[in-house]
Amino acid sequence: MSIDRVNISNQGIDRAQGAQPNELVRNAGKDRQVSTSSDSIALSSKAKDLDRLAKAGTYNVSARDLAQKLIDANKK
């Protein structure tokens, strides 16, 4: 990962160097080389197991049972 520099121009410095501000911005990224390699990731067996278990199904809770547990918990 890289962070590009921000070109903040000062007109006095730009004139002293003989470059126009727009020219600096236009040419800012032309000397960079872009890599053509691709990124990849590999999951551990534990991560694969967790993913499989997460997709295995859902846990259904009765709304009535949930409401009763909340009422019981608030009575204490």
PDB file of N, CA and C in Angstrom:
ATOM      1  N   MET A   1       0.855  -1.169   0.000  1.00  0.00           N
ATOM      2  CA  MET A   1       0.000   0.000   0.000  1.00  0.00           C
ATOM      3  C   MET A   1       0.895   1.224   0.000  1.00  0.00           C
ATOM      4  N   SER A   2       0.572   2.185  -0.797  1.00  0.00           N
ATOM      5  CA  SER A   2       1.363   3.407  -0.830  1.00  0.00           C
ATOM      6  C   SER A   2       0.446   4.603  -0.764  1.00  0.00           C
ATOM      7  N   ILE A   3       0.986   5.674  -0.269  1.00  0.00           N
ATOM      8  CA  ILE A   3       0.238   6.920  -0.171  1.00  0.00           C
ATOM      9  C   ILE A   3       0.918   7.921  -1.093  1.00  0.00           C
ATOM     10  N   ASP A   4       0.149   8.463  -2.020  1.00  0.00           N
ATOM     11  CA  ASP A   4       0.696   9.428  -2.961  1.00  0.00           C
ATOM     12  C   ASP A   4       0.916  10.762  -2.267  1.00  0.00           C
ATOM     13  N   ARG A   5       1.934  11.466  -2.703  1.00  0.00           N
ATOM     14  CA  ARG A   5       2.203  12.796  -2.173  1.00  0.00           C
ATOM     15  C   ARG A   5       1.161  13.760  -2.687  1.00  0.00           C
ATOM     16  N   VAL A   6       0.834  14.714  -1.875  1.00  0.00           N
ATOM     17  CA  VAL A   6      -0.103  15.753  -2.267  1.00  0.00           C
ATOM     18  C   VAL A   6       0.718  16.922  -2.780  1.00  0.00           C
ATOM     19  N   ASN A   7       0.420  17.384  -3.983  1.00  0.00           N
ATOM     20  CA  ASN A   7       1.141  18.518  -4.546  1.00  0.00           C
ATOM     21  C   ASN A   7       0.495  19.814  -4.088  1.00  0.00           C
ATOM     22  N   ILE A   8       1.157  20.505  -3.190  1.00  0.00           N
ATOM     23  CA  ILE A   8       0.709  21.813  -2.736  1.00  0.00           C
ATOM     24  C   ILE A   8       1.666  22.811  -3.363  1.00  0.00           C
ATOM     25  N   SER A   9       1.136  23.626  -4.254  1.00  0.00           N
ATOM     26  CA  SER A   9       2.019  24.519  -4.988  1.00  0.00           C
ATOM     27  C   SER A   9       2.024  25.908  -4.375  1.00  0.00           C
ATOM     28  N   ASN A  10       3.164  26.518  -4.438  1.00  0.00           N
ATOM     29  CA  ASN A  10       3.354  27.900  -4.042  1.00  0.00           C
ATOM     30  C   ASN A  10       3.770  28.622  -5.313  1.00  0.00           C
ATOM     31  N   GLN A  11       2.999  29.590  -5.765  1.00  0.00           N
ATOM     32  CA  GLN A  11       3.259  30.211  -7.059  1.00  0.00           C
ATOM     33  C   GLN A  11       4.659  30.807  -7.142  1.00  0.00           C
ATOM     34  N   GLY A  12       5.152  31.355  -6.046  1.00  0.00           N
ATOM     35  CA  GLY A  12       6.505  31.929  -6.061  1.00  0.00           C
ATOM     36  C   GLY A  12       7.561  30.865  -6.309  1.00  0.00           C
ATOM     37  N   ILE A  13       7.433  29.721  -5.674  1.00  0.00           N
ATOM     38  CA  ILE A  13       8.385  28.624  -5.862  1.00  0.00           C
ATOM     39  C   ILE A  13       8.251  28.057  -7.264  1.00  0.00           C
ATOM     40  N   ASP A  14       6.991  27.893  -7.738  1.00  0.00           N
ATOM     41  CA  ASP A  14       6.775  27.365  -9.086  1.00  0.00           C
ATOM     42  C   ASP A  14       7.416  28.248 -10.139  1.00  0.00           C
ATOM     43  N   ARG A  15       7.281  29.562  -9.996  1.00  0.00           N
ATOM     44  CA  ARG A  15       7.894  30.478 -10.973  1.00  0.00           C
ATOM     45  C   ARG A  15       9.410  30.401 -10.905  1.00  0.00           C
ATOM     46  N   ALA A  16       9.952  30.300  -9.689  1.00  0.00           N
ATOM     47  CA  ALA A  16      11.401  30.234  -9.533  1.00  0.00           C
ATOM     48  C   ALA A  16      11.961  28.970 -10.169  1.00  0.00           C
ATOM     49  N   GLN A  17      11.207  27.883 -10.135  1.00  0.00           N
ATOM     50  CA  GLN A  17      11.667  26.626 -10.719  1.00  0.00           C
ATOM     51  C   GLN A  17      11.337  26.540 -12.202  1.00  0.00           C
ATOM     52  N   GLY A  18      10.576  27.513 -12.720  1.00  0.00           N
ATOM     53  CA  GLY A  18      10.258  27.530 -14.139  1.00  0.00           C
ATOM     54  C   GLY A  18       9.131  26.596 -14.540  1.00  0.00           C
ATOM     55  N   ALA A  19       8.315  26.174 -13.593  1.00  0.00           N
ATOM     56  CA  ALA A  19       7.197  25.278 -13.907  1.00  0.00           C
ATOM     57  C   ALA A  19       5.887  25.943 -13.539  1.00  0.00           C
ATOM     58  N   GLN A  20       4.878  25.654 -14.293  1.00  0.00           N
ATOM     59  CA  GLN A  20       3.547  26.160 -14.009  1.00  0.00           C
ATOM     60  C   GLN A  20       2.844  25.189 -13.059  1.00  0.00           C
ATOM     61  N   PRO A  21       1.976  25.675 -12.165  1.00  0.00           N
ATOM     62  CA  PRO A  21       1.290  24.789 -11.219  1.00  0.00           C
ATOM     63  C   PRO A  21       0.506  23.663 -11.888  1.00  0.00           C
ATOM     64  N   ASN A  22      -0.199  23.955 -12.977  1.00  0.00           N
ATOM     65  CA  ASN A  22      -0.964  22.921 -13.667  1.00  0.00           C
ATOM     66  C   ASN A  22      -0.059  21.855 -14.268  1.00  0.00           C
ATOM     67  N   GLU A  23       1.115  22.255 -14.727  1.00  0.00           N
ATOM     68  CA  GLU A  23       2.058  21.310 -15.310  1.00  0.00           C
ATOM     69  C   GLU A  23       2.546  20.329 -14.250  1.00  0.00           C
ATOM     70  N   LEU A  24       2.768  20.819 -13.011  1.00  0.00           N
ATOM     71  CA  LEU A  24       3.208  19.941 -11.935  1.00  0.00           C
ATOM     72  C   LEU A  24       2.149  18.893 -11.618  1.00  0.00           C
ATOM     73  N   VAL A  25       0.909  19.300 -11.566  1.00  0.00           N
ATOM     74  CA  VAL A  25      -0.173  18.374 -11.259  1.00  0.00           C
ATOM     75  C   VAL A  25      -0.355  17.368 -12.383  1.00  0.00           C
ATOM     76  N   ARG A  26      -0.299  17.834 -13.627  1.00  0.00           N
ATOM     77  CA  ARG A  26      -0.483  16.959 -14.784  1.00  0.00           C
ATOM     78  C   ARG A  26       0.591  15.879 -14.860  1.00  0.00           C
ATOM     79  N   ASN A  27       1.814  16.196 -14.501  1.00  0.00           N
ATOM     80  CA  ASN A  27       2.929  15.265 -14.629  1.00  0.00           C
ATOM     81  C   ASN A  27       3.231  14.515 -13.337  1.00  0.00           C
ATOM     82  N   ALA A  28       2.418  14.689 -12.302  1.00  0.00           N
ATOM     83  CA  ALA A  28       2.721  14.133 -10.983  1.00  0.00           C
ATOM     84  C   ALA A  28       2.843  12.615 -10.982  1.00  0.00           C
ATOM     85  N   GLY A  29       1.997  11.892 -11.667  1.00  0.00           N
ATOM     86  CA  GLY A  29       2.013  10.443 -11.586  1.00  0.00           C
ATOM     87  C   GLY A  29       2.618   9.739 -12.773  1.00  0.00           C
ATOM     88  N   LYS A  30       3.212  10.452 -13.703  1.00  0.00           N
ATOM     89  CA  LYS A  30       3.688   9.834 -14.942  1.00  0.00           C
ATOM     90  C   LYS A  30       4.957   9.006 -14.761  1.00  0.00           C
ATOM     91  N   ASP A  31       5.733   9.243 -13.702  1.00  0.00           N
ATOM     92  CA  ASP A  31       6.976   8.505 -13.531  1.00  0.00           C
ATOM     93  C   ASP A  31       6.789   7.262 -12.663  1.00  0.00           C
ATOM     94  N   ARG A  32       5.571   7.015 -12.188  1.00  0.00           N
ATOM     95  CA  ARG A  32       5.330   5.831 -11.361  1.00  0.00           C
ATOM     96  C   ARG A  32       5.173   4.610 -12.249  1.00  0.00           C
ATOM     97  N   GLN A  33       5.654   3.470 -11.757  1.00  0.00           N
ATOM     98  CA  GLN A  33       5.465   2.224 -12.480  1.00  0.00           C
ATOM     99  C   GLN A  33       4.433   1.392 -11.723  1.00  0.00           C
ATOM    100  N   VAL A  34       3.517   0.806 -12.461  1.00  0.00           N
ATOM    101  CA  VAL A  34       2.451   0.024 -11.871  1.00  0.00           C
ATOM    102  C   VAL A  34       2.792  -1.451 -12.001  1.00  0.00           C
ATOM    103  N   SER A  35       2.691  -2.169 -10.903  1.00  0.00           N
ATOM    104  CA  SER A  35       2.964  -3.594 -10.907  1.00  0.00           C
ATOM    105  C   SER A  35       1.798  -4.343 -11.518  1.00  0.00           C
ATOM    106  N   THR A  36       2.079  -5.375 -12.293  1.00  0.00           N
ATOM    107  CA  THR A  36       1.021  -6.151 -12.920  1.00  0.00           C
ATOM    108  C   THR A  36       0.721  -7.432 -12.151  1.00  0.00           C
ATOM    109  N   SER A  37       1.375  -7.651 -11.004  1.00  0.00           N
ATOM    110  CA  SER A  37       1.101  -8.850 -10.229  1.00  0.00           C
ATOM    111  C   SER A  37      -0.243  -8.739  -9.530  1.00  0.00           C
ATOM    112  N   SER A  38      -0.844  -9.857  -9.231  1.00  0.00           N
ATOM    113  CA  SER A  38      -2.140  -9.843  -8.561  1.00  0.00           C
ATOM    114  C   SER A  38      -1.976 -10.246  -7.102  1.00  0.00           C
ATOM    115  N   ASP A  39      -2.870  -9.744  -6.269  1.00  0.00           N
ATOM    116  CA  ASP A  39      -2.860 -10.080  -4.852  1.00  0.00           C
ATOM    117  C   ASP A  39      -3.676 -11.339  -4.628  1.00  0.00           C
ATOM    118  N   SER A  40      -3.336 -12.081  -3.589  1.00  0.00           N
ATOM    119  CA  SER A  40      -4.115 -13.265  -3.254  1.00  0.00           C
ATOM    120  C   SER A  40      -4.090 -13.469  -1.747  1.00  0.00           C
ATOM    121  N   ILE A  41      -5.069 -14.231  -1.265  1.00  0.00           N
ATOM    122  CA  ILE A  41      -5.123 -14.562   0.152  1.00  0.00           C
ATOM    123  C   ILE A  41      -5.337 -16.055   0.289  1.00  0.00           C
ATOM    124  N   ALA A  42      -4.980 -16.591   1.447  1.00  0.00           N
ATOM    125  CA  ALA A  42      -5.216 -17.996   1.740  1.00  0.00           C
ATOM    126  C   ALA A  42      -5.836 -18.080   3.126  1.00  0.00           C
ATOM    127  N   LEU A  43      -6.929 -18.822   3.238  1.00  0.00           N
ATOM    128  CA  LEU A  43      -7.602 -18.981   4.522  1.00  0.00           C
ATOM    129  C   LEU A  43      -7.059 -20.209   5.240  1.00  0.00           C
ATOM    130  N   SER A  44      -6.917 -20.094   6.555  1.00  0.00           N
ATOM    131  CA  SER A  44      -6.483 -21.237   7.343  1.00  0.00           C
ATOM    132  C   SER A  44      -7.613 -22.248   7.426  1.00  0.00           C
ATOM    133  N   SER A  45      -7.293 -23.450   7.844  1.00  0.00           N
ATOM    134  CA  SER A  45      -8.333 -24.475   7.971  1.00  0.00           C
ATOM    135  C   SER A  45      -9.353 -24.087   9.032  1.00  0.00           C
ATOM    136  N   LYS A  46      -8.920 -23.395  10.069  1.00  0.00           N
ATOM    137  CA  LYS A  46      -9.838 -22.951  11.122  1.00  0.00           C
ATOM    138  C   LYS A  46     -10.829 -21.926  10.546  1.00  0.00           C
ATOM    139  N   ALA A  47     -10.351 -21.009   9.728  1.00  0.00           N
ATOM    140  CA  ALA A  47     -11.226 -20.012   9.107  1.00  0.00           C
ATOM    141  C   ALA A  47     -12.216 -20.682   8.163  1.00  0.00           C
ATOM    142  N   LYS A  48     -11.759 -21.690   7.430  1.00  0.00           N
ATOM    143  CA  LYS A  48     -12.650 -22.421   6.528  1.00  0.00           C
ATOM    144  C   LYS A  48     -13.732 -23.153   7.322  1.00  0.00           C
ATOM    145  N   ASP A  49     -13.359 -23.754   8.463  1.00  0.00           N
ATOM    146  CA  ASP A  49     -14.339 -24.441   9.311  1.00  0.00           C
ATOM    147  C   ASP A  49     -15.371 -23.460   9.853  1.00  0.00           C
ATOM    148  N   LEU A  50     -14.922 -22.291  10.296  1.00  0.00           N
ATOM    149  CA  LEU A  50     -15.843 -21.282  10.814  1.00  0.00           C
ATOM    150  C   LEU A  50     -16.802 -20.809   9.735  1.00  0.00           C
ATOM    151  N   ASP A  51     -16.305 -20.635   8.536  1.00  0.00           N
ATOM    152  CA  ASP A  51     -17.154 -20.223   7.425  1.00  0.00           C
ATOM    153  C   ASP A  51     -18.196 -21.293   7.116  1.00  0.00           C
ATOM    154  N   ARG A  52     -17.767 -22.547   7.117  1.00  0.00           N
ATOM    155  CA  ARG A  52     -18.682 -23.660   6.851  1.00  0.00           C
ATOM    156  C   ARG A  52     -19.762 -23.728   7.917  1.00  0.00           C
ATOM    157  N   LEU A  53     -19.373 -23.567   9.206  1.00  0.00           N
ATOM    158  CA  LEU A  53     -20.347 -23.615  10.297  1.00  0.00           C
ATOM    159  C   LEU A  53     -21.327 -22.435  10.238  1.00  0.00           C
ATOM    160  N   ALA A  54     -20.823 -21.280   9.842  1.00  0.00           N
ATOM    161  CA  ALA A  54     -21.684 -20.101   9.748  1.00  0.00           C
ATOM    162  C   ALA A  54     -22.743 -20.286   8.663  1.00  0.00           C
ATOM    163  N   LYS A  55     -22.406 -21.009   7.615  1.00  0.00           N
ATOM    164  CA  LYS A  55     -23.342 -21.229   6.510  1.00  0.00           C
ATOM    165  C   LYS A  55     -24.215 -22.463   6.713  1.00  0.00           C
ATOM    166  N   ALA A  56     -23.950 -23.226   7.777  1.00  0.00           N
ATOM    167  CA  ALA A  56     -24.640 -24.492   7.984  1.00  0.00           C
ATOM    168  C   ALA A  56     -26.134 -24.319   8.263  1.00  0.00           C
ATOM    169  N   GLY A  57     -26.537 -23.246   8.884  1.00  0.00           N
ATOM    170  CA  GLY A  57     -27.951 -23.078   9.175  1.00  0.00           C
ATOM    171  C   GLY A  57     -28.187 -21.921  10.097  1.00  0.00           C
ATOM    172  N   THR A  58     -29.447 -21.761  10.490  1.00  0.00           N
ATOM    173  CA  THR A  58     -29.804 -20.670  11.386  1.00  0.00           C
ATOM    174  C   THR A  58     -30.406 -21.243  12.652  1.00  0.00           C
ATOM    175  N   TYR A  59     -30.380 -20.463  13.673  1.00  0.00           N
ATOM    176  CA  TYR A  59     -30.949 -20.845  14.955  1.00  0.00           C
ATOM    177  C   TYR A  59     -32.239 -20.068  15.123  1.00  0.00           C
ATOM    178  N   ASN A  60     -33.355 -20.752  15.154  1.00  0.00           N
ATOM    179  CA  ASN A  60     -34.656 -20.108  15.257  1.00  0.00           C
ATOM    180  C   ASN A  60     -35.097 -20.044  16.715  1.00  0.00           C
ATOM    181  N   VAL A  61     -35.482 -18.878  17.152  1.00  0.00           N
ATOM    182  CA  VAL A  61     -35.944 -18.655  18.511  1.00  0.00           C
ATOM    183  C   VAL A  61     -37.394 -18.209  18.445  1.00  0.00           C
ATOM    184  N   SER A  62     -38.214 -18.831  19.254  1.00  0.00           N
ATOM    185  CA  SER A  62     -39.618 -18.465  19.320  1.00  0.00           C
ATOM    186  C   SER A  62     -39.749 -17.076  19.935  1.00  0.00           C
ATOM    187  N   ALA A  63     -40.533 -16.230  19.320  1.00  0.00           N
ATOM    188  CA  ALA A  63     -40.750 -14.886  19.856  1.00  0.00           C
ATOM    189  C   ALA A  63     -41.393 -14.959  21.233  1.00  0.00           C
ATOM    190  N   ARG A  64     -42.279 -15.909  21.428  1.00  0.00           N
ATOM    191  CA  ARG A  64     -42.942 -16.091  22.721  1.00  0.00           C
ATOM    192  C   ARG A  64     -41.924 -16.451  23.805  1.00  0.00           C
ATOM    193  N   ASP A  65     -41.022 -17.396  23.487  1.00  0.00           N
ATOM    194  CA  ASP A  65     -39.994 -17.798  24.456  1.00  0.00           C
ATOM    195  C   ASP A  65     -39.057 -16.640  24.784  1.00  0.00           C
ATOM    196  N   LEU A  66     -38.682 -15.881  23.771  1.00  0.00           N
ATOM    197  CA  LEU A  66     -37.802 -14.735  23.973  1.00  0.00           C
ATOM    198  C   LEU A  66     -38.469 -13.695  24.864  1.00  0.00           C
ATOM    199  N   ALA A  67     -39.734 -13.402  24.599  1.00  0.00           N
ATOM    200  CA  ALA A  67     -40.460 -12.421  25.411  1.00  0.00           C
ATOM    201  C   ALA A  67     -40.566 -12.885  26.856  1.00  0.00           C
ATOM    202  N   GLN A  68     -40.833 -14.173  27.063  1.00  0.00           N
ATOM    203  CA  GLN A  68     -40.961 -14.689  28.421  1.00  0.00           C
ATOM    204  C   GLN A  68     -39.630 -14.597  29.170  1.00  0.00           C
ATOM    205  N   LYS A  69     -38.525 -14.889  28.492  1.00  0.00           N
ATOM    206  CA  LYS A  69     -37.201 -14.793  29.129  1.00  0.00           C
ATOM    207  C   LYS A  69     -36.887 -13.345  29.508  1.00  0.00           C
ATOM    208  N   LEU A  70     -37.271 -12.382  28.669  1.00  0.00           N
ATOM    209  CA  LEU A  70     -37.040 -10.970  28.978  1.00  0.00           C
ATOM    210  C   LEU A  70     -37.875 -10.547  30.179  1.00  0.00           C
ATOM    211  N   ILE A  71     -39.109 -11.022  30.243  1.00  0.00           N
ATOM    212  CA  ILE A  71     -39.979 -10.681  31.381  1.00  0.00           C
ATOM    213  C   ILE A  71     -39.404 -11.277  32.666  1.00  0.00           C
ATOM    214  N   ASP A  72     -38.991 -12.534  32.602  1.00  0.00           N
ATOM    215  CA  ASP A  72     -38.407 -13.200  33.764  1.00  0.00           C
ATOM    216  C   ASP A  72     -37.133 -12.512  34.236  1.00  0.00           C
ATOM    217  N   ALA A  73     -36.301 -12.069  33.282  1.00  0.00           N
ATOM    218  CA  ALA A  73     -35.043 -11.408  33.635  1.00  0.00           C
ATOM    219  C   ALA A  73     -35.285 -10.070  34.309  1.00  0.00           C
ATOM    220  N   ASN A  74     -36.354  -9.368  33.933  1.00  0.00           N
ATOM    221  CA  ASN A  74     -36.652  -8.057  34.515  1.00  0.00           C
ATOM    222  C   ASN A  74     -37.338  -8.158  35.879  1.00  0.00           C
ATOM    223  N   LYS A  75     -37.879  -9.325  36.217  1.00  0.00           N
ATOM    224  CA  LYS A  75     -38.515  -9.516  37.507  1.00  0.00           C
ATOM    225  C   LYS A  75     -37.503  -9.678  38.639  1.00  0.00           C
ATOM    226  N   LYS A  76     -36.315 -10.101  38.315  1.00  0.00           N
ATOM    227  CA  LYS A  76     -35.292 -10.377  39.333  1.00  0.00           C
ATOM    228  C   LYS A  76     -34.783  -9.147  40.002  1.00  0.00           C
TER     229      LYS A  76
END
